[in-house]
Amino acid sequence: LAFYLVAIVILVAILASAVKILREYERGVVFTLGRFAGVKGPGLI
């Protein structure tokens, strides 16, 4: 049970850092390993 809880917490943390929501007036400038990868948004990123 403890192992599953730790796995769930890690998974939630990864999803939280992977999923971003941008408002209509916002844009996201994305960098991949420090290099410019594009401008995204609005919506789910």
All heavy atoms as atom14 arrays in JSON, in Angstrom:
{
  "sequence": "LAFYLVAIVILVAILASAVKILREYERGVVFTLGRFAGVKGPGLI",
  "atom14_mask": [
    [1, 1, 1, 1, 1, 1, 1, 1, 0, 0, 0, 0, 0, 0],
    [1, 1, 1, 1, 1, 0, 0, 0, 0, 0, 0, 0, 0, 0],
    [1, 1, 1, 1, 1, 1, 1, 1, 1, 1, 1, 0, 0, 0],
    [1, 1, 1, 1, 1, 1, 1, 1, 1, 1, 1, 1, 0, 0],
    [1, 1, 1, 1, 1, 1, 1, 1, 0, 0, 0, 0, 0, 0],
    [1, 1, 1, 1, 1, 1, 1, 0, 0, 0, 0, 0, 0, 0],
    [1, 1, 1, 1, 1, 0, 0, 0, 0, 0, 0, 0, 0, 0],
    [1, 1, 1, 1, 1, 1, 1, 1, 0, 0, 0, 0, 0, 0],
    [1, 1, 1, 1, 1, 1, 1, 0, 0, 0, 0, 0, 0, 0],
    [1, 1, 1, 1, 1, 1, 1, 1, 0, 0, 0, 0, 0, 0],
    [1, 1, 1, 1, 1, 1, 1, 1, 0, 0, 0, 0, 0, 0],
    [1, 1, 1, 1, 1, 1, 1, 0, 0, 0, 0, 0, 0, 0],
    [1, 1, 1, 1, 1, 0, 0, 0, 0, 0, 0, 0, 0, 0],
    [1, 1, 1, 1, 1, 1, 1, 1, 0, 0, 0, 0, 0, 0],
    [1, 1, 1, 1, 1, 1, 1, 1, 0, 0, 0, 0, 0, 0],
    [1, 1, 1, 1, 1, 0, 0, 0, 0, 0, 0, 0, 0, 0],
    [1, 1, 1, 1, 1, 1, 0, 0, 0, 0, 0, 0, 0, 0],
    [1, 1, 1, 1, 1, 0, 0, 0, 0, 0, 0, 0, 0, 0],
    [1, 1, 1, 1, 1, 1, 1, 0, 0, 0, 0, 0, 0, 0],
    [1, 1, 1, 1, 1, 1, 1, 1, 1, 0, 0, 0, 0, 0],
    [1, 1, 1, 1, 1, 1, 1, 1, 0, 0, 0, 0, 0, 0],
    [1, 1, 1, 1, 1, 1, 1, 1, 0, 0, 0, 0, 0, 0],
    [1, 1, 1, 1, 1, 1, 1, 1, 1, 1, 1, 0, 0, 0],
    [1, 1, 1, 1, 1, 1, 1, 1, 1, 0, 0, 0, 0, 0],
    [1, 1, 1, 1, 1, 1, 1, 1, 1, 1, 1, 1, 0, 0],
    [1, 1, 1, 1, 1, 1, 1, 1, 1, 0, 0, 0, 0, 0],
    [1, 1, 1, 1, 1, 1, 1, 1, 1, 1, 1, 0, 0, 0],
    [1, 1, 1, 1, 0, 0, 0, 0, 0, 0, 0, 0, 0, 0],
    [1, 1, 1, 1, 1, 1, 1, 0, 0, 0, 0, 0, 0, 0],
    [1, 1, 1, 1, 1, 1, 1, 0, 0, 0, 0, 0, 0, 0],
    [1, 1, 1, 1, 1, 1, 1, 1, 1, 1, 1, 0, 0, 0],
    [1, 1, 1, 1, 1, 1, 1, 0, 0, 0, 0, 0, 0, 0],
    [1, 1, 1, 1, 1, 1, 1, 1, 0, 0, 0, 0, 0, 0],
    [1, 1, 1, 1, 0, 0, 0, 0, 0, 0, 0, 0, 0, 0],
    [1, 1, 1, 1, 1, 1, 1, 1, 1, 1, 1, 0, 0, 0],
    [1, 1, 1, 1, 1, 1, 1, 1, 1, 1, 1, 0, 0, 0],
    [1, 1, 1, 1, 1, 0, 0, 0, 0, 0, 0, 0, 0, 0],
    [1, 1, 1, 1, 0, 0, 0, 0, 0, 0, 0, 0, 0, 0],
    [1, 1, 1, 1, 1, 1, 1, 0, 0, 0, 0, 0, 0, 0],
    [1, 1, 1, 1, 1, 1, 1, 1, 1, 0, 0, 0, 0, 0],
    [1, 1, 1, 1, 0, 0, 0, 0, 0, 0, 0, 0, 0, 0],
    [1, 1, 1, 1, 1, 1, 1, 0, 0, 0, 0, 0, 0, 0],
    [1, 1, 1, 1, 0, 0, 0, 0, 0, 0, 0, 0, 0, 0],
    [1, 1, 1, 1, 1, 1, 1, 1, 0, 0, 0, 0, 0, 0],
    [1, 1, 1, 1, 1, 1, 1, 1, 0, 0, 0, 0, 0, 0]
  ],
  "atom14_positions": [
    [[0.83, -1.2, 0.0], [0.0, 0.0, 0.0], [0.87, 1.26, 0.0], [0.6, 2.24, -0.73], [-0.93, -0.02, 1.22], [-1.91, 1.17, 1.34], [-2.84, 1.22, 0.13], [-2.73, 1.02, 2.63], [0.0, 0.0, 0.0], [0.0, 0.0, 0.0], [0.0, 0.0, 0.0], [0.0, 0.0, 0.0], [0.0, 0.0, 0.0], [0.0, 0.0, 0.0]],
    [[1.92, 1.24, 0.79], [2.82, 2.4, 0.84], [3.51, 2.59, -0.51], [3.69, 3.74, -0.97], [3.85, 2.21, 1.94], [0.0, 0.0, 0.0], [0.0, 0.0, 0.0], [0.0, 0.0, 0.0], [0.0, 0.0, 0.0], [0.0, 0.0, 0.0], [0.0, 0.0, 0.0], [0.0, 0.0, 0.0], [0.0, 0.0, 0.0], [0.0, 0.0, 0.0]],
    [[3.88, 1.49, -1.14], [4.53, 1.6, -2.45], [3.59, 2.22, -3.47], [3.99, 3.09, -4.24], [4.95, 0.2, -2.91], [5.49, 0.18, -4.3], [6.78, 0.62, -4.58], [4.69, -0.27, -5.36], [7.26, 0.61, -5.88], [5.18, -0.28, -6.65], [6.48, 0.15, -6.91], [0.0, 0.0, 0.0], [0.0, 0.0, 0.0], [0.0, 0.0, 0.0]],
    [[2.32, 1.77, -3.46], [1.36, 2.33, -4.41], [1.08, 3.81, -4.13], [0.92, 4.62, -5.06], [0.06, 1.53, -4.36], [0.17, 0.17, -5.0], [-0.2, -0.98, -4.3], [0.66, 0.03, -6.3], [-0.09, -2.24, -4.89], [0.77, -1.24, -6.88], [0.4, -2.36, -6.17], [0.52, -3.59, -6.74], [0.0, 0.0, 0.0], [0.0, 0.0, 0.0]],
    [[1.03, 4.18, -2.85], [0.79, 5.59, -2.51], [1.95, 6.46, -3.0], [1.72, 7.54, -3.56], [0.63, 5.73, -0.99], [-0.69, 5.19, -0.39], [-0.67, 5.33, 1.12], [-1.88, 5.94, -0.98], [0.0, 0.0, 0.0], [0.0, 0.0, 0.0], [0.0, 0.0, 0.0], [0.0, 0.0, 0.0], [0.0, 0.0, 0.0], [0.0, 0.0, 0.0]],
    [[3.18, 5.94, -2.79], [4.33, 6.71, -3.26], [4.31, 6.82, -4.78], [4.58, 7.88, -5.35], [5.63, 6.07, -2.77], [6.84, 6.74, -3.43], [5.74, 6.16, -1.26], [0.0, 0.0, 0.0], [0.0, 0.0, 0.0], [0.0, 0.0, 0.0], [0.0, 0.0, 0.0], [0.0, 0.0, 0.0], [0.0, 0.0, 0.0], [0.0, 0.0, 0.0]],
    [[3.95, 5.74, -5.45], [3.89, 5.77, -6.92], [2.82, 6.75, -7.41], [3.03, 7.48, -8.39], [3.62, 4.36, -7.45], [0.0, 0.0, 0.0], [0.0, 0.0, 0.0], [0.0, 0.0, 0.0], [0.0, 0.0, 0.0], [0.0, 0.0, 0.0], [0.0, 0.0, 0.0], [0.0, 0.0, 0.0], [0.0, 0.0, 0.0], [0.0, 0.0, 0.0]],
    [[1.68, 6.75, -6.7], [0.6, 7.66, -7.1], [1.04, 9.12, -6.92], [0.78, 9.98, -7.77], [-0.67, 7.35, -6.3], [-1.25, 5.99, -6.71], [-1.71, 8.46, -6.52], [-2.42, 5.54, -5.86], [0.0, 0.0, 0.0], [0.0, 0.0, 0.0], [0.0, 0.0, 0.0], [0.0, 0.0, 0.0], [0.0, 0.0, 0.0], [0.0, 0.0, 0.0]],
    [[1.7, 9.4, -5.78], [2.16, 10.77, -5.53], [3.15, 11.21, -6.59], [3.09, 12.33, -7.1], [2.78, 10.86, -4.12], [3.47, 12.22, -3.94], [1.71, 10.68, -3.05], [0.0, 0.0, 0.0], [0.0, 0.0, 0.0], [0.0, 0.0, 0.0], [0.0, 0.0, 0.0], [0.0, 0.0, 0.0], [0.0, 0.0, 0.0], [0.0, 0.0, 0.0]],
    [[4.08, 10.32, -6.95], [5.06, 10.66, -7.99], [4.37, 10.87, -9.33], [4.7, 11.81, -10.07], [6.11, 9.53, -8.09], [6.93, 9.47, -6.8], [7.02, 9.76, -9.3], [7.91, 8.31, -6.76], [0.0, 0.0, 0.0], [0.0, 0.0, 0.0], [0.0, 0.0, 0.0], [0.0, 0.0, 0.0], [0.0, 0.0, 0.0], [0.0, 0.0, 0.0]],
    [[3.39, 10.03, -9.63], [2.66, 10.17, -10.89], [1.9, 11.49, -10.95], [1.89, 12.18, -11.97], [1.7, 8.99, -11.07], [0.88, 8.98, -12.36], [1.79, 8.93, -13.58], [-0.1, 7.8, -12.36], [0.0, 0.0, 0.0], [0.0, 0.0, 0.0], [0.0, 0.0, 0.0], [0.0, 0.0, 0.0], [0.0, 0.0, 0.0], [0.0, 0.0, 0.0]],
    [[1.26, 11.85, -9.83], [0.52, 13.12, -9.78], [1.47, 14.3, -9.95], [1.17, 15.28, -10.65], [-0.26, 13.23, -8.45], [-0.83, 14.64, -8.28], [-1.38, 12.2, -8.41], [0.0, 0.0, 0.0], [0.0, 0.0, 0.0], [0.0, 0.0, 0.0], [0.0, 0.0, 0.0], [0.0, 0.0, 0.0], [0.0, 0.0, 0.0], [0.0, 0.0, 0.0]],
    [[2.66, 14.2, -9.32], [3.64, 15.29, -9.45], [4.11, 15.42, -10.89], [4.28, 16.53, -11.41], [4.81, 15.05, -8.51], [0.0, 0.0, 0.0], [0.0, 0.0, 0.0], [0.0, 0.0, 0.0], [0.0, 0.0, 0.0], [0.0, 0.0, 0.0], [0.0, 0.0, 0.0], [0.0, 0.0, 0.0], [0.0, 0.0, 0.0], [0.0, 0.0, 0.0]],
    [[4.31, 14.27, -11.54], [4.75, 14.3, -12.94], [3.66, 14.89, -13.83], [3.93, 15.73, -14.71], [5.15, 12.89, -13.41], [6.39, 12.42, -12.67], [5.38, 12.87, -14.91], [6.78, 10.98, -12.98], [0.0, 0.0, 0.0], [0.0, 0.0, 0.0], [0.0, 0.0, 0.0], [0.0, 0.0, 0.0], [0.0, 0.0, 0.0], [0.0, 0.0, 0.0]],
    [[2.42, 14.47, -13.59], [1.32, 15.02, -14.4], [1.13, 16.51, -14.16], [0.84, 17.27, -15.09], [0.02, 14.27, -14.07], [-0.06, 12.81, -14.55], [-1.35, 12.17, -14.08], [0.04, 12.76, -16.07], [0.0, 0.0, 0.0], [0.0, 0.0, 0.0], [0.0, 0.0, 0.0], [0.0, 0.0, 0.0], [0.0, 0.0, 0.0], [0.0, 0.0, 0.0]],
    [[1.33, 16.94, -12.89], [1.18, 18.35, -12.58], [2.23, 19.18, -13.31], [1.95, 20.31, -13.75], [1.28, 18.57, -11.07], [0.0, 0.0, 0.0], [0.0, 0.0, 0.0], [0.0, 0.0, 0.0], [0.0, 0.0, 0.0], [0.0, 0.0, 0.0], [0.0, 0.0, 0.0], [0.0, 0.0, 0.0], [0.0, 0.0, 0.0], [0.0, 0.0, 0.0]],
    [[3.43, 18.66, -13.42], [4.47, 19.4, -14.13], [4.34, 19.27, -15.65], [4.92, 20.08, -16.38], [5.85, 18.9, -13.68], [6.0, 17.51, -14.01], [0.0, 0.0, 0.0], [0.0, 0.0, 0.0], [0.0, 0.0, 0.0], [0.0, 0.0, 0.0], [0.0, 0.0, 0.0], [0.0, 0.0, 0.0], [0.0, 0.0, 0.0], [0.0, 0.0, 0.0]],
    [[3.6, 18.25, -16.1], [3.47, 18.04, -17.55], [2.26, 18.74, -18.13], [2.26, 19.11, -19.3], [3.39, 16.54, -17.85], [0.0, 0.0, 0.0], [0.0, 0.0, 0.0], [0.0, 0.0, 0.0], [0.0, 0.0, 0.0], [0.0, 0.0, 0.0], [0.0, 0.0, 0.0], [0.0, 0.0, 0.0], [0.0, 0.0, 0.0], [0.0, 0.0, 0.0]],
    [[1.22, 18.93, -17.33], [-0.02, 19.52, -17.82], [-0.08, 20.99, -17.42], [0.05, 21.33, -16.24], [-1.25, 18.76, -17.29], [-2.53, 19.43, -17.76], [-1.21, 17.31, -17.72], [0.0, 0.0, 0.0], [0.0, 0.0, 0.0], [0.0, 0.0, 0.0], [0.0, 0.0, 0.0], [0.0, 0.0, 0.0], [0.0, 0.0, 0.0], [0.0, 0.0, 0.0]],
    [[-0.27, 21.86, -18.41], [-0.4, 23.28, -18.15], [-1.66, 23.8, -18.85], [-2.0, 23.33, -19.93], [0.81, 24.07, -18.68], [2.16, 23.61, -18.12], [2.27, 23.9, -16.63], [3.64, 23.49, -16.11], [3.76, 23.72, -14.64], [0.0, 0.0, 0.0], [0.0, 0.0, 0.0], [0.0, 0.0, 0.0], [0.0, 0.0, 0.0], [0.0, 0.0, 0.0]],
    [[-2.31, 24.75, -18.21], [-3.51, 25.36, -18.79], [-3.25, 26.85, -18.95], [-2.92, 27.54, -17.98], [-4.74, 25.12, -17.9], [-5.03, 23.61, -17.8], [-5.95, 25.86, -18.46], [-6.2, 23.28, -16.9], [0.0, 0.0, 0.0], [0.0, 0.0, 0.0], [0.0, 0.0, 0.0], [0.0, 0.0, 0.0], [0.0, 0.0, 0.0], [0.0, 0.0, 0.0]],
    [[-3.39, 27.32, -20.18], [-3.16, 28.73, -20.48], [-4.49, 29.41, -20.78], [-5.33, 28.87, -21.5], [-2.23, 28.88, -21.69], [-0.81, 28.32, -21.53], [-0.02, 28.49, -22.82], [-0.1, 28.99, -20.38], [0.0, 0.0, 0.0], [0.0, 0.0, 0.0], [0.0, 0.0, 0.0], [0.0, 0.0, 0.0], [0.0, 0.0, 0.0], [0.0, 0.0, 0.0]],
    [[-4.67, 30.6, -20.22], [-5.89, 31.37, -20.47], [-5.87, 31.95, -21.88], [-4.87, 31.91, -22.57], [-6.03, 32.48, -19.43], [-6.17, 31.96, -18.01], [-6.27, 33.12, -17.02], [-6.42, 32.66, -15.66], [-5.41, 32.37, -14.83], [-4.16, 32.52, -15.27], [-5.64, 31.94, -13.61], [0.0, 0.0, 0.0], [0.0, 0.0, 0.0], [0.0, 0.0, 0.0]],
    [[-7.01, 32.53, -22.27], [-7.14, 33.04, -23.63], [-6.11, 34.13, -23.94], [-5.65, 34.24, -25.08], [-8.56, 33.59, -23.83], [-8.85, 34.07, -25.25], [-8.83, 32.94, -26.26], [-9.19, 31.81, -25.89], [-8.45, 33.21, -27.42], [0.0, 0.0, 0.0], [0.0, 0.0, 0.0], [0.0, 0.0, 0.0], [0.0, 0.0, 0.0], [0.0, 0.0, 0.0]],
    [[-5.76, 34.93, -22.96], [-4.83, 36.04, -23.17], [-3.38, 35.66, -22.88], [-2.51, 36.52, -22.86], [-5.22, 37.24, -22.31], [-5.34, 36.92, -20.82], [-4.21, 36.9, -20.0], [-6.57, 36.64, -20.26], [-4.32, 36.6, -18.66], [-6.69, 36.36, -18.92], [-5.56, 36.33, -18.11], [-5.67, 36.03, -16.79], [0.0, 0.0, 0.0], [0.0, 0.0, 0.0]],
    [[-3.1, 34.36, -22.66], [-1.75, 33.92, -22.35], [-1.19, 33.04, -23.46], [-1.94, 32.35, -24.16], [-1.73, 33.12, -21.03], [-1.99, 33.96, -19.8], [-1.95, 33.12, -18.53], [-2.33, 31.92, -18.61], [-1.57, 33.64, -17.48], [0.0, 0.0, 0.0], [0.0, 0.0, 0.0], [0.0, 0.0, 0.0], [0.0, 0.0, 0.0], [0.0, 0.0, 0.0]],
    [[0.12, 33.08, -23.61], [0.84, 32.18, -24.5], [2.01, 31.58, -23.74], [2.56, 32.21, -22.84], [1.33, 32.91, -25.75], [0.24, 33.49, -26.62], [-0.64, 32.42, -27.23], [-1.65, 33.0, -28.12], [-2.84, 33.4, -27.73], [-3.18, 33.32, -26.44], [-3.69, 33.92, -28.6], [0.0, 0.0, 0.0], [0.0, 0.0, 0.0], [0.0, 0.0, 0.0]],
    [[2.4, 30.38, -24.15], [3.51, 29.7, -23.5], [4.69, 29.54, -24.44], [4.55, 28.96, -25.53], [0.0, 0.0, 0.0], [0.0, 0.0, 0.0], [0.0, 0.0, 0.0], [0.0, 0.0, 0.0], [0.0, 0.0, 0.0], [0.0, 0.0, 0.0], [0.0, 0.0, 0.0], [0.0, 0.0, 0.0], [0.0, 0.0, 0.0], [0.0, 0.0, 0.0]],
    [[5.83, 30.09, -24.06], [7.07, 29.93, -24.83], [7.78, 28.69, -24.28], [8.22, 28.67, -23.14], [7.97, 31.18, -24.72], [9.23, 31.0, -25.55], [7.21, 32.41, -25.17], [0.0, 0.0, 0.0], [0.0, 0.0, 0.0], [0.0, 0.0, 0.0], [0.0, 0.0, 0.0], [0.0, 0.0, 0.0], [0.0, 0.0, 0.0], [0.0, 0.0, 0.0]],
    [[7.88, 27.65, -25.12], [8.37, 26.34, -24.68], [9.84, 26.18, -25.08], [10.22, 26.48, -26.21], [7.51, 25.21, -25.28], [8.03, 23.85, -24.82], [6.04, 25.38, -24.87], [0.0, 0.0, 0.0], [0.0, 0.0, 0.0], [0.0, 0.0, 0.0], [0.0, 0.0, 0.0], [0.0, 0.0, 0.0], [0.0, 0.0, 0.0], [0.0, 0.0, 0.0]],
    [[10.63, 25.67, -24.13], [12.04, 25.37, -24.37], [12.26, 23.88, -24.12], [11.82, 23.34, -23.09], [12.95, 26.18, -23.44], [12.87, 27.66, -23.67], [11.94, 28.44, -22.97], [13.7, 28.28, -24.58], [11.87, 29.8, -23.17], [13.63, 29.65, -24.79], [12.71, 30.4, -24.09], [0.0, 0.0, 0.0], [0.0, 0.0, 0.0], [0.0, 0.0, 0.0]],
    [[12.93, 23.22, -25.05], [13.27, 21.8, -24.91], [14.78, 21.69, -24.72], [15.56, 22.02, -25.61], [12.85, 21.01, -26.15], [11.44, 21.15, -26.33], [13.19, 19.54, -25.99], [0.0, 0.0, 0.0], [0.0, 0.0, 0.0], [0.0, 0.0, 0.0], [0.0, 0.0, 0.0], [0.0, 0.0, 0.0], [0.0, 0.0, 0.0], [0.0, 0.0, 0.0]],
    [[15.15, 21.26, -23.51], [16.57, 21.18, -23.14], [17.29, 22.51, -23.41], [18.42, 22.56, -23.89], [17.26, 20.04, -23.9], [16.75, 18.63, -23.58], [17.45, 17.6, -24.44], [16.92, 18.31, -22.09], [0.0, 0.0, 0.0], [0.0, 0.0, 0.0], [0.0, 0.0, 0.0], [0.0, 0.0, 0.0], [0.0, 0.0, 0.0], [0.0, 0.0, 0.0]],
    [[16.58, 23.6, -23.1], [17.17, 24.92, -23.23], [17.01, 25.57, -24.59], [17.33, 26.76, -24.73], [0.0, 0.0, 0.0], [0.0, 0.0, 0.0], [0.0, 0.0, 0.0], [0.0, 0.0, 0.0], [0.0, 0.0, 0.0], [0.0, 0.0, 0.0], [0.0, 0.0, 0.0], [0.0, 0.0, 0.0], [0.0, 0.0, 0.0], [0.0, 0.0, 0.0]],
    [[16.55, 24.85, -25.58], [16.4, 25.4, -26.91], [14.93, 25.75, -27.16], [14.03, 25.02, -26.73], [16.9, 24.42, -27.98], [18.39, 24.11, -27.89], [18.82, 23.16, -29.0], [18.63, 23.78, -30.31], [19.53, 24.56, -30.89], [20.68, 24.83, -30.3], [19.29, 25.08, -32.09], [0.0, 0.0, 0.0], [0.0, 0.0, 0.0], [0.0, 0.0, 0.0]],
    [[14.73, 26.84, -27.91], [13.37, 27.27, -28.21], [12.65, 26.24, -29.06], [13.16, 25.8, -30.1], [13.41, 28.62, -28.94], [12.07, 29.09, -29.43], [11.1, 29.55, -28.55], [11.76, 29.06, -30.78], [9.87, 29.98, -29.0], [10.54, 29.49, -31.24], [9.58, 29.95, -30.35], [0.0, 0.0, 0.0], [0.0, 0.0, 0.0], [0.0, 0.0, 0.0]],
    [[11.44, 25.83, -28.58], [10.69, 24.79, -29.26], [9.38, 25.29, -29.85], [8.73, 24.55, -30.59], [10.39, 23.63, -28.3], [0.0, 0.0, 0.0], [0.0, 0.0, 0.0], [0.0, 0.0, 0.0], [0.0, 0.0, 0.0], [0.0, 0.0, 0.0], [0.0, 0.0, 0.0], [0.0, 0.0, 0.0], [0.0, 0.0, 0.0], [0.0, 0.0, 0.0]],
    [[8.98, 26.52, -29.56], [7.75, 27.03, -30.13], [6.9, 27.77, -29.11], [7.18, 27.79, -27.91], [0.0, 0.0, 0.0], [0.0, 0.0, 0.0], [0.0, 0.0, 0.0], [0.0, 0.0, 0.0], [0.0, 0.0, 0.0], [0.0, 0.0, 0.0], [0.0, 0.0, 0.0], [0.0, 0.0, 0.0], [0.0, 0.0, 0.0], [0.0, 0.0, 0.0]],
    [[5.84, 28.37, -29.63], [4.88, 29.1, -28.8], [3.57, 28.35, -28.83], [3.05, 28.02, -29.92], [4.68, 30.55, -29.31], [3.64, 31.28, -28.46], [6.01, 31.31, -29.29], [0.0, 0.0, 0.0], [0.0, 0.0, 0.0], [0.0, 0.0, 0.0], [0.0, 0.0, 0.0], [0.0, 0.0, 0.0], [0.0, 0.0, 0.0], [0.0, 0.0, 0.0]],
    [[3.01, 28.07, -27.67], [1.78, 27.29, -27.58], [0.74, 28.04, -26.77], [1.04, 28.91, -25.98], [2.06, 25.92, -26.94], [3.01, 25.05, -27.73], [3.17, 23.68, -27.11], [4.1, 22.79, -27.93], [4.24, 21.44, -27.34], [0.0, 0.0, 0.0], [0.0, 0.0, 0.0], [0.0, 0.0, 0.0], [0.0, 0.0, 0.0], [0.0, 0.0, 0.0]],
    [[-0.52, 27.59, -26.98], [-1.61, 28.15, -26.22], [-2.57, 28.93, -27.1], [-2.29, 29.17, -28.29], [0.0, 0.0, 0.0], [0.0, 0.0, 0.0], [0.0, 0.0, 0.0], [0.0, 0.0, 0.0], [0.0, 0.0, 0.0], [0.0, 0.0, 0.0], [0.0, 0.0, 0.0], [0.0, 0.0, 0.0], [0.0, 0.0, 0.0], [0.0, 0.0, 0.0]],
    [[-3.72, 29.31, -26.56], [-4.19, 29.0, -25.19], [-4.81, 27.61, -25.1], [-4.94, 26.92, -26.1], [-5.23, 30.1, -24.97], [-5.79, 30.34, -26.34], [-4.65, 30.18, -27.3], [0.0, 0.0, 0.0], [0.0, 0.0, 0.0], [0.0, 0.0, 0.0], [0.0, 0.0, 0.0], [0.0, 0.0, 0.0], [0.0, 0.0, 0.0], [0.0, 0.0, 0.0]],
    [[-5.2, 27.25, -23.88], [-5.82, 25.95, -23.66], [-4.91, 25.0, -22.9], [-4.04, 25.41, -22.13], [0.0, 0.0, 0.0], [0.0, 0.0, 0.0], [0.0, 0.0, 0.0], [0.0, 0.0, 0.0], [0.0, 0.0, 0.0], [0.0, 0.0, 0.0], [0.0, 0.0, 0.0], [0.0, 0.0, 0.0], [0.0, 0.0, 0.0], [0.0, 0.0, 0.0]],
    [[-5.11, 23.7, -23.14], [-4.35, 22.65, -22.45], [-3.03, 22.39, -23.17], [-3.0, 22.15, -24.37], [-5.19, 21.37, -22.39], [-4.55, 20.17, -21.68], [-4.37, 20.48, -20.2], [-5.41, 18.92, -21.87], [0.0, 0.0, 0.0], [0.0, 0.0, 0.0], [0.0, 0.0, 0.0], [0.0, 0.0, 0.0], [0.0, 0.0, 0.0], [0.0, 0.0, 0.0]],
    [[-1.94, 22.42, -22.41], [-0.6, 22.21, -22.95], [0.04, 21.03, -22.23], [0.0, 20.95, -20.99], [0.28, 23.46, -22.78], [-0.4, 24.69, -23.38], [1.65, 23.25, -23.42], [-0.67, 24.6, -24.86], [0.0, 0.0, 0.0], [0.0, 0.0, 0.0], [0.0, 0.0, 0.0], [0.0, 0.0, 0.0], [0.0, 0.0, 0.0], [0.0, 0.0, 0.0]]
  ]
}
